[in-house]
Amino acid sequence: MEGSMFYLVYWWFWIFCTFILKRQNPYRLKLSVFMLSMIILADLHITFAEFDLYAGGFFLLFLSYAVVYKEKTKTLVYYLICSFIVTLAYVTFHLFEIFDPVWIIFNKDWMMGGCICYIAILLQKGLRGRLLVIASGTMQGEILYAYILKKFDFSYPIGTLSYLDVCALTSVLVVCWSCLENAGFYFENYVNLNQKGKQKSS
């Protein structure tokens, strides 16, 4: 069912941000509003210039642009390059799916999510940067892919629930990977603190 992964992930994160995350956290309210806005806008769509546009995807794109726009020039340029790489990867995956579907050996959403996740991890070191690159790059890919198909008289709705499923899945994979990275860092600090404590006690 289209949208099941998206709604599951976003509802869970909204519950986490609203009821579990500490009130002192400066990002708590912003994340809660973002999650709820995405859920509300996900299935709203309009037709513009013969393209079927879904509000959730474009809200995600514009929000990622707004966040990246505040960065310094060098950082902004690097974000744009990373986003463009993700865009090309996203479009290439879809085109290969059309012209040579044999190589898709299991669920395409998981394959695409894994590929985009891997690229984002290689391009960005922090979780915030990875999520921004995924959001902007994949949505730009949606627009470019729809434009390419339009040249061949095929219609393709932009930013559908199917796209949001892939985006949500990719985000979860990136968050899990970042948690594993931080877990190693915290474990190392914990071991070092224990060793120092033993040395002092001895």
N, C-alpha and C. Protein backbone atom coordinates (compact mmCIF):
# COMPACT_ATOMS: atom_id res chain seq x y z
N MET A 1 0.84 -1.20 0.00
CA MET A 1 0.00 0.00 0.00
C MET A 1 0.88 1.26 0.00
N GLU A 2 0.66 2.13 -0.98
CA GLU A 2 1.46 3.36 -1.06
C GLU A 2 1.22 4.26 0.15
N GLY A 3 2.29 4.77 0.68
CA GLY A 3 2.20 5.69 1.81
C GLY A 3 2.30 5.03 3.17
N SER A 4 2.26 3.71 3.23
CA SER A 4 2.28 3.02 4.52
C SER A 4 3.59 3.27 5.27
N MET A 5 4.71 3.17 4.56
CA MET A 5 6.01 3.41 5.18
C MET A 5 6.13 4.86 5.63
N PHE A 6 5.70 5.78 4.78
CA PHE A 6 5.77 7.21 5.11
C PHE A 6 4.96 7.53 6.36
N TYR A 7 3.69 7.11 6.39
CA TYR A 7 2.83 7.42 7.54
C TYR A 7 3.34 6.76 8.82
N LEU A 8 3.83 5.52 8.70
CA LEU A 8 4.36 4.82 9.87
C LEU A 8 5.54 5.57 10.46
N VAL A 9 6.49 5.95 9.60
CA VAL A 9 7.71 6.62 10.06
C VAL A 9 7.40 8.01 10.62
N TYR A 10 6.60 8.78 9.90
CA TYR A 10 6.34 10.16 10.32
C TYR A 10 5.45 10.24 11.56
N TRP A 11 4.46 9.34 11.66
CA TRP A 11 3.65 9.32 12.88
C TRP A 11 4.50 8.93 14.08
N TRP A 12 5.39 7.95 13.90
CA TRP A 12 6.24 7.52 15.00
C TRP A 12 7.17 8.64 15.44
N PHE A 13 7.79 9.33 14.47
CA PHE A 13 8.69 10.43 14.81
C PHE A 13 7.93 11.60 15.43
N TRP A 14 6.70 11.84 14.96
CA TRP A 14 5.91 12.92 15.56
C TRP A 14 5.58 12.60 17.01
N ILE A 15 5.20 11.36 17.31
CA ILE A 15 4.93 10.95 18.68
C ILE A 15 6.18 11.07 19.54
N PHE A 16 7.31 10.67 18.96
CA PHE A 16 8.58 10.76 19.70
C PHE A 16 8.93 12.21 20.03
N CYS A 17 8.82 13.09 19.01
CA CYS A 17 9.17 14.50 19.21
C CYS A 17 8.20 15.20 20.16
N THR A 18 6.92 14.85 20.10
CA THR A 18 5.89 15.54 20.87
C THR A 18 5.82 15.06 22.32
N PHE A 19 5.95 13.76 22.55
CA PHE A 19 5.69 13.22 23.89
C PHE A 19 6.91 12.63 24.59
N ILE A 20 7.96 12.30 23.85
CA ILE A 20 9.11 11.64 24.47
C ILE A 20 10.32 12.57 24.56
N LEU A 21 10.56 13.35 23.51
CA LEU A 21 11.71 14.26 23.50
C LEU A 21 11.57 15.31 24.61
N LYS A 22 12.66 15.65 25.26
CA LYS A 22 12.63 16.60 26.36
C LYS A 22 12.16 17.98 25.90
N ARG A 23 11.40 18.65 26.73
CA ARG A 23 10.87 19.97 26.37
C ARG A 23 11.97 21.00 26.21
N GLN A 24 13.10 20.78 26.87
CA GLN A 24 14.21 21.74 26.77
C GLN A 24 14.91 21.68 25.41
N ASN A 25 14.65 20.62 24.65
CA ASN A 25 15.30 20.48 23.35
C ASN A 25 14.83 21.58 22.40
N PRO A 26 15.76 22.37 21.84
CA PRO A 26 15.38 23.51 20.98
C PRO A 26 14.72 23.10 19.66
N TYR A 27 14.91 21.85 19.25
CA TYR A 27 14.37 21.38 17.97
C TYR A 27 13.04 20.66 18.13
N ARG A 28 12.59 20.49 19.34
CA ARG A 28 11.39 19.69 19.61
C ARG A 28 10.16 20.23 18.88
N LEU A 29 9.85 21.50 19.06
CA LEU A 29 8.66 22.10 18.44
C LEU A 29 8.76 22.14 16.93
N LYS A 30 9.94 22.51 16.42
CA LYS A 30 10.13 22.60 14.97
C LYS A 30 9.94 21.24 14.30
N LEU A 31 10.51 20.20 14.90
CA LEU A 31 10.38 18.86 14.34
C LEU A 31 8.93 18.37 14.39
N SER A 32 8.25 18.66 15.48
CA SER A 32 6.84 18.24 15.62
C SER A 32 5.97 18.91 14.57
N VAL A 33 6.16 20.21 14.36
CA VAL A 33 5.39 20.96 13.36
C VAL A 33 5.71 20.44 11.96
N PHE A 34 6.98 20.17 11.70
CA PHE A 34 7.38 19.65 10.39
C PHE A 34 6.73 18.31 10.10
N MET A 35 6.81 17.39 11.06
CA MET A 35 6.22 16.06 10.87
C MET A 35 4.72 16.14 10.61
N LEU A 36 4.03 16.94 11.42
CA LEU A 36 2.58 17.05 11.28
C LEU A 36 2.20 17.73 9.96
N SER A 37 2.96 18.72 9.55
CA SER A 37 2.71 19.40 8.27
C SER A 37 2.88 18.44 7.10
N MET A 38 3.92 17.61 7.15
CA MET A 38 4.14 16.62 6.09
C MET A 38 2.98 15.63 6.01
N ILE A 39 2.49 15.20 7.15
CA ILE A 39 1.38 14.24 7.17
C ILE A 39 0.13 14.87 6.57
N ILE A 40 -0.12 16.14 6.89
CA ILE A 40 -1.31 16.83 6.38
C ILE A 40 -1.21 17.07 4.87
N LEU A 41 -0.02 17.47 4.41
CA LEU A 41 0.16 17.85 3.01
C LEU A 41 0.43 16.68 2.07
N ALA A 42 0.73 15.52 2.61
CA ALA A 42 1.21 14.39 1.80
C ALA A 42 0.31 14.05 0.62
N ASP A 43 -1.00 14.04 0.83
CA ASP A 43 -1.91 13.56 -0.22
C ASP A 43 -2.61 14.70 -0.97
N LEU A 44 -2.23 15.95 -0.70
CA LEU A 44 -2.81 17.08 -1.42
C LEU A 44 -2.06 17.29 -2.73
N HIS A 45 -2.79 17.50 -3.82
CA HIS A 45 -2.10 17.68 -5.10
C HIS A 45 -2.87 18.63 -6.01
N ILE A 46 -2.14 19.24 -6.93
CA ILE A 46 -2.72 20.14 -7.93
C ILE A 46 -2.11 19.80 -9.29
N THR A 47 -2.74 20.28 -10.35
CA THR A 47 -2.20 20.10 -11.70
C THR A 47 -1.70 21.44 -12.20
N PHE A 48 -0.42 21.45 -12.60
CA PHE A 48 0.19 22.69 -13.08
C PHE A 48 1.04 22.36 -14.30
N ALA A 49 0.77 23.05 -15.43
CA ALA A 49 1.53 22.85 -16.68
C ALA A 49 1.58 21.38 -17.07
N GLU A 50 0.44 20.72 -16.96
CA GLU A 50 0.28 19.31 -17.32
C GLU A 50 1.04 18.34 -16.41
N PHE A 51 1.53 18.84 -15.27
CA PHE A 51 2.19 17.98 -14.29
C PHE A 51 1.30 17.88 -13.04
N ASP A 52 1.20 16.67 -12.51
CA ASP A 52 0.46 16.45 -11.27
C ASP A 52 1.43 16.60 -10.11
N LEU A 53 1.26 17.66 -9.30
CA LEU A 53 2.20 17.99 -8.24
C LEU A 53 1.59 17.72 -6.87
N TYR A 54 2.33 16.99 -6.03
CA TYR A 54 1.88 16.70 -4.67
C TYR A 54 2.57 17.63 -3.68
N ALA A 55 1.77 18.18 -2.76
CA ALA A 55 2.25 19.25 -1.87
C ALA A 55 3.32 18.78 -0.90
N GLY A 56 3.22 17.54 -0.41
CA GLY A 56 4.17 17.05 0.58
C GLY A 56 5.60 17.07 0.08
N GLY A 57 5.81 16.60 -1.13
CA GLY A 57 7.14 16.57 -1.70
C GLY A 57 7.73 17.95 -1.90
N PHE A 58 6.91 18.89 -2.38
CA PHE A 58 7.41 20.25 -2.61
C PHE A 58 7.64 20.99 -1.31
N PHE A 59 6.83 20.71 -0.30
CA PHE A 59 7.07 21.29 1.02
C PHE A 59 8.42 20.84 1.56
N LEU A 60 8.74 19.56 1.36
CA LEU A 60 10.03 19.01 1.79
C LEU A 60 11.18 19.67 1.03
N LEU A 61 10.99 19.88 -0.26
CA LEU A 61 12.03 20.50 -1.09
C LEU A 61 12.28 21.95 -0.68
N PHE A 62 11.22 22.74 -0.55
CA PHE A 62 11.38 24.15 -0.21
C PHE A 62 11.95 24.33 1.19
N LEU A 63 11.57 23.45 2.10
CA LEU A 63 12.10 23.53 3.46
C LEU A 63 13.59 23.22 3.49
N SER A 64 14.02 22.24 2.71
CA SER A 64 15.44 21.92 2.64
C SER A 64 16.23 23.07 2.01
N TYR A 65 15.64 23.72 1.00
CA TYR A 65 16.28 24.90 0.40
C TYR A 65 16.42 26.02 1.42
N ALA A 66 15.37 26.23 2.22
CA ALA A 66 15.37 27.31 3.21
C ALA A 66 16.45 27.09 4.27
N VAL A 67 16.65 25.83 4.66
CA VAL A 67 17.66 25.52 5.68
C VAL A 67 19.06 25.68 5.10
N VAL A 68 19.28 25.17 3.91
CA VAL A 68 20.60 25.22 3.28
C VAL A 68 20.98 26.65 2.91
N TYR A 69 20.00 27.49 2.57
CA TYR A 69 20.24 28.87 2.15
C TYR A 69 20.95 29.68 3.24
N LYS A 70 20.77 29.29 4.49
CA LYS A 70 21.36 30.02 5.60
C LYS A 70 22.85 29.71 5.80
N GLU A 71 23.33 28.70 5.11
CA GLU A 71 24.73 28.30 5.26
C GLU A 71 25.68 29.27 4.56
N LYS A 72 26.97 29.15 4.88
CA LYS A 72 27.98 29.97 4.23
C LYS A 72 28.14 29.55 2.77
N THR A 73 28.75 30.42 1.98
CA THR A 73 28.82 30.21 0.52
C THR A 73 29.47 28.88 0.16
N LYS A 74 30.63 28.57 0.77
CA LYS A 74 31.33 27.33 0.45
C LYS A 74 30.49 26.12 0.81
N THR A 75 29.88 26.17 1.99
CA THR A 75 29.02 25.06 2.43
C THR A 75 27.81 24.92 1.53
N LEU A 76 27.25 26.06 1.12
CA LEU A 76 26.09 26.06 0.24
C LEU A 76 26.41 25.41 -1.10
N VAL A 77 27.57 25.78 -1.67
CA VAL A 77 27.99 25.20 -2.96
C VAL A 77 28.18 23.70 -2.83
N TYR A 78 28.79 23.28 -1.73
CA TYR A 78 29.01 21.84 -1.53
C TYR A 78 27.67 21.09 -1.39
N TYR A 79 26.73 21.69 -0.67
CA TYR A 79 25.39 21.10 -0.55
C TYR A 79 24.74 20.94 -1.92
N LEU A 80 24.88 21.96 -2.76
CA LEU A 80 24.29 21.91 -4.10
C LEU A 80 24.91 20.79 -4.94
N ILE A 81 26.23 20.65 -4.83
CA ILE A 81 26.91 19.58 -5.57
C ILE A 81 26.44 18.21 -5.09
N CYS A 82 26.39 18.03 -3.77
CA CYS A 82 25.92 16.76 -3.20
C CYS A 82 24.48 16.46 -3.61
N SER A 83 23.65 17.49 -3.56
CA SER A 83 22.25 17.34 -3.94
C SER A 83 22.12 16.94 -5.41
N PHE A 84 22.96 17.54 -6.25
CA PHE A 84 22.94 17.22 -7.68
C PHE A 84 23.36 15.77 -7.93
N ILE A 85 24.34 15.29 -7.18
CA ILE A 85 24.79 13.90 -7.31
C ILE A 85 23.65 12.94 -6.94
N VAL A 86 22.96 13.24 -5.85
CA VAL A 86 21.83 12.41 -5.43
C VAL A 86 20.72 12.45 -6.49
N THR A 87 20.50 13.63 -7.07
CA THR A 87 19.49 13.78 -8.13
C THR A 87 19.80 12.87 -9.31
N LEU A 88 21.05 12.88 -9.75
CA LEU A 88 21.46 12.03 -10.88
C LEU A 88 21.30 10.55 -10.54
N ALA A 89 21.67 10.18 -9.32
CA ALA A 89 21.53 8.78 -8.90
C ALA A 89 20.07 8.36 -8.88
N TYR A 90 19.21 9.23 -8.40
CA TYR A 90 17.78 8.94 -8.32
C TYR A 90 17.17 8.75 -9.70
N VAL A 91 17.48 9.67 -10.60
CA VAL A 91 16.94 9.59 -11.97
C VAL A 91 17.51 8.37 -12.69
N THR A 92 18.79 8.12 -12.53
CA THR A 92 19.43 6.97 -13.19
C THR A 92 18.79 5.66 -12.75
N PHE A 93 18.50 5.55 -11.45
CA PHE A 93 17.86 4.33 -10.94
C PHE A 93 16.51 4.12 -11.63
N HIS A 94 15.72 5.17 -11.73
CA HIS A 94 14.40 5.06 -12.36
C HIS A 94 14.50 4.71 -13.84
N LEU A 95 15.47 5.30 -14.53
CA LEU A 95 15.64 5.02 -15.95
C LEU A 95 16.10 3.57 -16.18
N PHE A 96 16.99 3.10 -15.34
CA PHE A 96 17.41 1.70 -15.44
C PHE A 96 16.23 0.77 -15.17
N GLU A 97 15.35 1.19 -14.26
CA GLU A 97 14.17 0.39 -13.95
C GLU A 97 13.28 0.21 -15.18
N ILE A 98 13.23 1.25 -16.02
CA ILE A 98 12.40 1.20 -17.24
C ILE A 98 13.09 0.37 -18.33
N PHE A 99 14.36 0.68 -18.60
CA PHE A 99 15.04 0.09 -19.75
C PHE A 99 15.64 -1.30 -19.47
N ASP A 100 15.95 -1.58 -18.20
CA ASP A 100 16.54 -2.87 -17.88
C ASP A 100 16.08 -3.32 -16.48
N PRO A 101 14.81 -3.71 -16.37
CA PRO A 101 14.24 -4.06 -15.04
C PRO A 101 14.76 -5.36 -14.45
N VAL A 102 15.52 -6.14 -15.22
CA VAL A 102 15.99 -7.45 -14.75
C VAL A 102 16.91 -7.32 -13.53
N TRP A 103 17.70 -6.22 -13.47
CA TRP A 103 18.68 -6.08 -12.40
C TRP A 103 18.05 -5.72 -11.06
N ILE A 104 16.75 -5.42 -11.04
CA ILE A 104 16.07 -5.16 -9.77
C ILE A 104 15.70 -6.52 -9.18
N ILE A 105 16.56 -7.03 -8.29
CA ILE A 105 16.43 -8.40 -7.80
C ILE A 105 15.50 -8.52 -6.59
N PHE A 106 15.21 -7.42 -5.90
CA PHE A 106 14.22 -7.44 -4.82
C PHE A 106 13.51 -6.10 -4.78
N ASN A 107 12.75 -5.83 -3.75
CA ASN A 107 11.91 -4.64 -3.67
C ASN A 107 12.68 -3.37 -4.07
N LYS A 108 12.15 -2.65 -5.08
CA LYS A 108 12.86 -1.49 -5.63
C LYS A 108 13.00 -0.36 -4.63
N ASP A 109 12.01 -0.21 -3.72
CA ASP A 109 12.10 0.84 -2.71
C ASP A 109 13.30 0.63 -1.79
N TRP A 110 13.51 -0.62 -1.39
CA TRP A 110 14.64 -0.92 -0.52
C TRP A 110 15.96 -0.76 -1.27
N MET A 111 15.99 -1.16 -2.53
CA MET A 111 17.20 -0.99 -3.33
C MET A 111 17.54 0.48 -3.52
N MET A 112 16.53 1.27 -3.87
CA MET A 112 16.76 2.70 -4.06
C MET A 112 17.12 3.38 -2.74
N GLY A 113 16.41 3.02 -1.68
CA GLY A 113 16.70 3.59 -0.37
C GLY A 113 18.12 3.30 0.08
N GLY A 114 18.57 2.04 -0.15
CA GLY A 114 19.93 1.68 0.22
C GLY A 114 20.97 2.44 -0.59
N CYS A 115 20.73 2.59 -1.89
CA CYS A 115 21.67 3.32 -2.77
C CYS A 115 21.78 4.78 -2.37
N ILE A 116 20.63 5.45 -2.20
CA ILE A 116 20.64 6.87 -1.83
C ILE A 116 21.24 7.07 -0.45
N CYS A 117 20.94 6.16 0.47
CA CYS A 117 21.50 6.22 1.82
C CYS A 117 23.02 6.13 1.76
N TYR A 118 23.54 5.19 0.99
CA TYR A 118 24.99 4.99 0.87
C TYR A 118 25.67 6.24 0.29
N ILE A 119 25.05 6.83 -0.74
CA ILE A 119 25.61 8.04 -1.36
C ILE A 119 25.62 9.20 -0.37
N ALA A 120 24.52 9.36 0.37
CA ALA A 120 24.43 10.45 1.35
C ALA A 120 25.47 10.30 2.45
N ILE A 121 25.71 9.06 2.90
CA ILE A 121 26.71 8.81 3.94
C ILE A 121 28.11 9.14 3.43
N LEU A 122 28.37 8.83 2.17
CA LEU A 122 29.68 9.14 1.59
C LEU A 122 29.89 10.64 1.42
N LEU A 123 28.82 11.36 1.09
CA LEU A 123 28.96 12.78 0.76
C LEU A 123 28.93 13.69 1.99
N GLN A 124 28.20 13.30 3.03
CA GLN A 124 28.03 14.16 4.20
C GLN A 124 28.43 13.41 5.47
N LYS A 125 29.03 14.13 6.40
CA LYS A 125 29.48 13.50 7.65
C LYS A 125 28.39 13.52 8.73
N GLY A 126 27.59 14.60 8.76
CA GLY A 126 26.60 14.74 9.82
C GLY A 126 25.21 14.29 9.40
N LEU A 127 24.37 13.96 10.37
CA LEU A 127 22.99 13.51 10.11
C LEU A 127 22.18 14.60 9.43
N ARG A 128 22.33 15.84 9.91
CA ARG A 128 21.56 16.95 9.35
C ARG A 128 21.86 17.13 7.86
N GLY A 129 23.13 17.13 7.51
CA GLY A 129 23.53 17.28 6.11
C GLY A 129 23.04 16.14 5.25
N ARG A 130 23.09 14.94 5.77
CA ARG A 130 22.63 13.76 5.02
C ARG A 130 21.13 13.85 4.73
N LEU A 131 20.36 14.24 5.73
CA LEU A 131 18.90 14.33 5.54
C LEU A 131 18.55 15.44 4.55
N LEU A 132 19.26 16.57 4.62
CA LEU A 132 19.01 17.67 3.68
C LEU A 132 19.34 17.27 2.25
N VAL A 133 20.45 16.57 2.07
CA VAL A 133 20.85 16.12 0.73
C VAL A 133 19.85 15.12 0.18
N ILE A 134 19.35 14.23 1.03
CA ILE A 134 18.35 13.25 0.59
C ILE A 134 17.06 13.94 0.18
N ALA A 135 16.59 14.88 1.02
CA ALA A 135 15.32 15.57 0.74
C ALA A 135 15.39 16.36 -0.56
N SER A 136 16.41 17.19 -0.70
CA SER A 136 16.50 18.03 -1.90
C SER A 136 16.86 17.23 -3.14
N GLY A 137 17.81 16.30 -3.00
CA GLY A 137 18.27 15.53 -4.15
C GLY A 137 17.21 14.62 -4.74
N THR A 138 16.48 13.92 -3.89
CA THR A 138 15.46 12.99 -4.39
C THR A 138 14.28 13.75 -5.00
N MET A 139 13.90 14.86 -4.40
CA MET A 139 12.77 15.62 -4.95
C MET A 139 13.14 16.28 -6.27
N GLN A 140 14.36 16.77 -6.37
CA GLN A 140 14.84 17.29 -7.66
C GLN A 140 14.85 16.18 -8.71
N GLY A 141 15.20 14.98 -8.25
CA GLY A 141 15.18 13.83 -9.14
C GLY A 141 13.78 13.51 -9.63
N GLU A 142 12.80 13.65 -8.76
CA GLU A 142 11.40 13.46 -9.15
C GLU A 142 11.01 14.41 -10.27
N ILE A 143 11.38 15.68 -10.11
CA ILE A 143 11.04 16.70 -11.10
C ILE A 143 11.73 16.41 -12.43
N LEU A 144 13.03 16.09 -12.37
CA LEU A 144 13.77 15.81 -13.59
C LEU A 144 13.25 14.55 -14.29
N TYR A 145 12.93 13.54 -13.52
CA TYR A 145 12.42 12.29 -14.09
C TYR A 145 11.06 12.52 -14.77
N ALA A 146 10.21 13.31 -14.14
CA ALA A 146 8.90 13.63 -14.73
C ALA A 146 9.08 14.42 -16.03
N TYR A 147 10.05 15.32 -16.03
CA TYR A 147 10.32 16.12 -17.24
C TYR A 147 10.82 15.23 -18.38
N ILE A 148 11.68 14.27 -18.06
CA ILE A 148 12.20 13.36 -19.09
C ILE A 148 11.08 12.51 -19.68
N LEU A 149 10.23 11.97 -18.81
CA LEU A 149 9.12 11.15 -19.28
C LEU A 149 8.12 11.96 -20.11
N LYS A 150 7.99 13.24 -19.75
CA LYS A 150 7.07 14.10 -20.50
C LYS A 150 7.51 14.25 -21.95
N LYS A 151 8.80 14.21 -22.18
CA LYS A 151 9.34 14.30 -23.55
C LYS A 151 8.88 13.12 -24.41
N PHE A 152 8.57 11.99 -23.73
CA PHE A 152 8.11 10.80 -24.44
C PHE A 152 6.60 10.60 -24.28
N ASP A 153 5.92 11.69 -23.88
CA ASP A 153 4.46 11.68 -23.72
C ASP A 153 3.97 10.72 -22.65
N PHE A 154 4.78 10.53 -21.60
CA PHE A 154 4.35 9.75 -20.44
C PHE A 154 4.11 10.72 -19.28
N SER A 155 3.04 10.50 -18.56
CA SER A 155 2.75 11.35 -17.39
C SER A 155 3.30 10.68 -16.14
N TYR A 156 3.86 11.48 -15.25
CA TYR A 156 4.42 10.97 -14.01
C TYR A 156 4.12 11.97 -12.90
N PRO A 157 3.30 11.60 -11.91
CA PRO A 157 3.00 12.52 -10.79
C PRO A 157 4.23 12.73 -9.92
N ILE A 158 4.46 13.97 -9.52
CA ILE A 158 5.67 14.35 -8.78
C ILE A 158 5.38 14.44 -7.28
N GLY A 159 6.17 13.71 -6.50
CA GLY A 159 6.07 13.79 -5.05
C GLY A 159 4.93 12.99 -4.45
N THR A 160 4.59 11.87 -5.05
CA THR A 160 3.48 11.04 -4.58
C THR A 160 3.83 10.34 -3.26
N LEU A 161 2.85 9.61 -2.74
CA LEU A 161 3.07 8.84 -1.52
C LEU A 161 4.13 7.75 -1.74
N SER A 162 4.21 7.24 -2.96
CA SER A 162 5.25 6.25 -3.28
C SER A 162 6.63 6.87 -3.14
N TYR A 163 6.80 8.10 -3.60
CA TYR A 163 8.07 8.81 -3.43
C TYR A 163 8.36 9.05 -1.95
N LEU A 164 7.35 9.47 -1.20
CA LEU A 164 7.53 9.74 0.22
C LEU A 164 7.89 8.47 0.99
N ASP A 165 7.40 7.32 0.51
CA ASP A 165 7.80 6.04 1.11
C ASP A 165 9.31 5.83 1.00
N VAL A 166 9.82 6.07 -0.20
CA VAL A 166 11.26 5.91 -0.44
C VAL A 166 12.05 6.91 0.39
N CYS A 167 11.57 8.13 0.44
CA CYS A 167 12.26 9.18 1.19
C CYS A 167 12.28 8.86 2.69
N ALA A 168 11.14 8.37 3.20
CA ALA A 168 11.05 8.01 4.62
C ALA A 168 11.96 6.83 4.94
N LEU A 169 11.96 5.83 4.06
CA LEU A 169 12.80 4.66 4.26
C LEU A 169 14.28 5.04 4.25
N THR A 170 14.67 5.88 3.31
CA THR A 170 16.06 6.33 3.22
C THR A 170 16.47 7.11 4.47
N SER A 171 15.56 7.96 4.94
CA SER A 171 15.84 8.75 6.15
C SER A 171 16.04 7.85 7.36
N VAL A 172 15.21 6.81 7.48
CA VAL A 172 15.34 5.87 8.61
C VAL A 172 16.68 5.14 8.55
N LEU A 173 17.08 4.72 7.35
CA LEU A 173 18.37 4.04 7.20
C LEU A 173 19.52 4.95 7.59
N VAL A 174 19.44 6.22 7.18
CA VAL A 174 20.50 7.18 7.53
C VAL A 174 20.53 7.45 9.02
N VAL A 175 19.36 7.60 9.64
CA VAL A 175 19.29 7.83 11.10
C VAL A 175 19.87 6.63 11.85
N CYS A 176 19.53 5.42 11.43
CA CYS A 176 20.07 4.21 12.07
C CYS A 176 21.58 4.15 11.95
N TRP A 177 22.11 4.47 10.75
CA TRP A 177 23.56 4.46 10.56
C TRP A 177 24.24 5.52 11.44
N SER A 178 23.65 6.71 11.51
CA SER A 178 24.22 7.77 12.34
C SER A 178 24.19 7.39 13.82
N CYS A 179 23.13 6.69 14.24
CA CYS A 179 23.05 6.22 15.63
C CYS A 179 24.16 5.21 15.92
N LEU A 180 24.45 4.33 14.95
CA LEU A 180 25.53 3.37 15.12
C LEU A 180 26.89 4.07 15.23
N GLU A 181 27.08 5.11 14.40
CA GLU A 181 28.32 5.88 14.47
C GLU A 181 28.48 6.54 15.83
N ASN A 182 27.41 7.17 16.33
CA ASN A 182 27.46 7.84 17.62
C ASN A 182 27.57 6.84 18.77
N ALA A 183 26.98 5.66 18.60
CA ALA A 183 27.06 4.62 19.63
C ALA A 183 28.52 4.21 19.84
N GLY A 184 29.26 4.09 18.75
CA GLY A 184 30.68 3.77 18.86
C GLY A 184 31.44 4.87 19.58
N PHE A 185 31.10 6.12 19.29
CA PHE A 185 31.76 7.26 19.94
C PHE A 185 31.46 7.29 21.44
N TYR A 186 30.18 7.09 21.81
CA TYR A 186 29.81 7.11 23.23
C TYR A 186 30.40 5.92 23.98
N PHE A 187 30.45 4.77 23.31
CA PHE A 187 31.03 3.59 23.94
C PHE A 187 32.52 3.80 24.21
N GLU A 188 33.20 4.41 23.25
CA GLU A 188 34.63 4.69 23.41
C GLU A 188 34.86 5.65 24.57
N ASN A 189 34.03 6.69 24.67
CA ASN A 189 34.15 7.64 25.78
C ASN A 189 33.86 6.97 27.12
N TYR A 190 32.84 6.07 27.11
CA TYR A 190 32.47 5.37 28.35
C TYR A 190 33.61 4.48 28.83
N VAL A 191 34.25 3.77 27.89
CA VAL A 191 35.38 2.91 28.25
C VAL A 191 36.54 3.74 28.78
N ASN A 192 36.82 4.88 28.13
CA ASN A 192 37.91 5.75 28.57
C ASN A 192 37.66 6.31 29.97
N LEU A 193 36.40 6.70 30.24
CA LEU A 193 36.05 7.21 31.57
C LEU A 193 36.22 6.14 32.63
N ASN A 194 35.83 4.91 32.34
CA ASN A 194 35.99 3.80 33.29
C ASN A 194 37.45 3.51 33.56
N GLN A 195 38.27 3.56 32.52
CA GLN A 195 39.70 3.31 32.70
C GLN A 195 40.35 4.39 33.56
N LYS A 196 39.95 5.66 33.31
CA LYS A 196 40.48 6.76 34.13
C LYS A 196 40.04 6.61 35.58
N GLY A 197 38.77 6.19 35.77
CA GLY A 197 38.28 6.01 37.14
C GLY A 197 39.02 4.91 37.88
N LYS A 198 39.34 3.82 37.18
CA LYS A 198 40.09 2.73 37.81
C LYS A 198 41.51 3.15 38.15
N GLN A 199 42.11 3.96 37.25
CA GLN A 199 43.47 4.43 37.49
C GLN A 199 43.53 5.34 38.71
N LYS A 200 42.51 6.18 38.88
CA LYS A 200 42.48 7.09 40.03
C LYS A 200 42.26 6.31 41.34
N SER A 201 41.36 5.32 41.26
CA SER A 201 41.08 4.54 42.47
C SER A 201 42.25 3.68 42.91
N SER A 202 43.07 3.23 41.90
CA SER A 202 44.23 2.43 42.24
C SER A 202 45.41 3.32 42.71
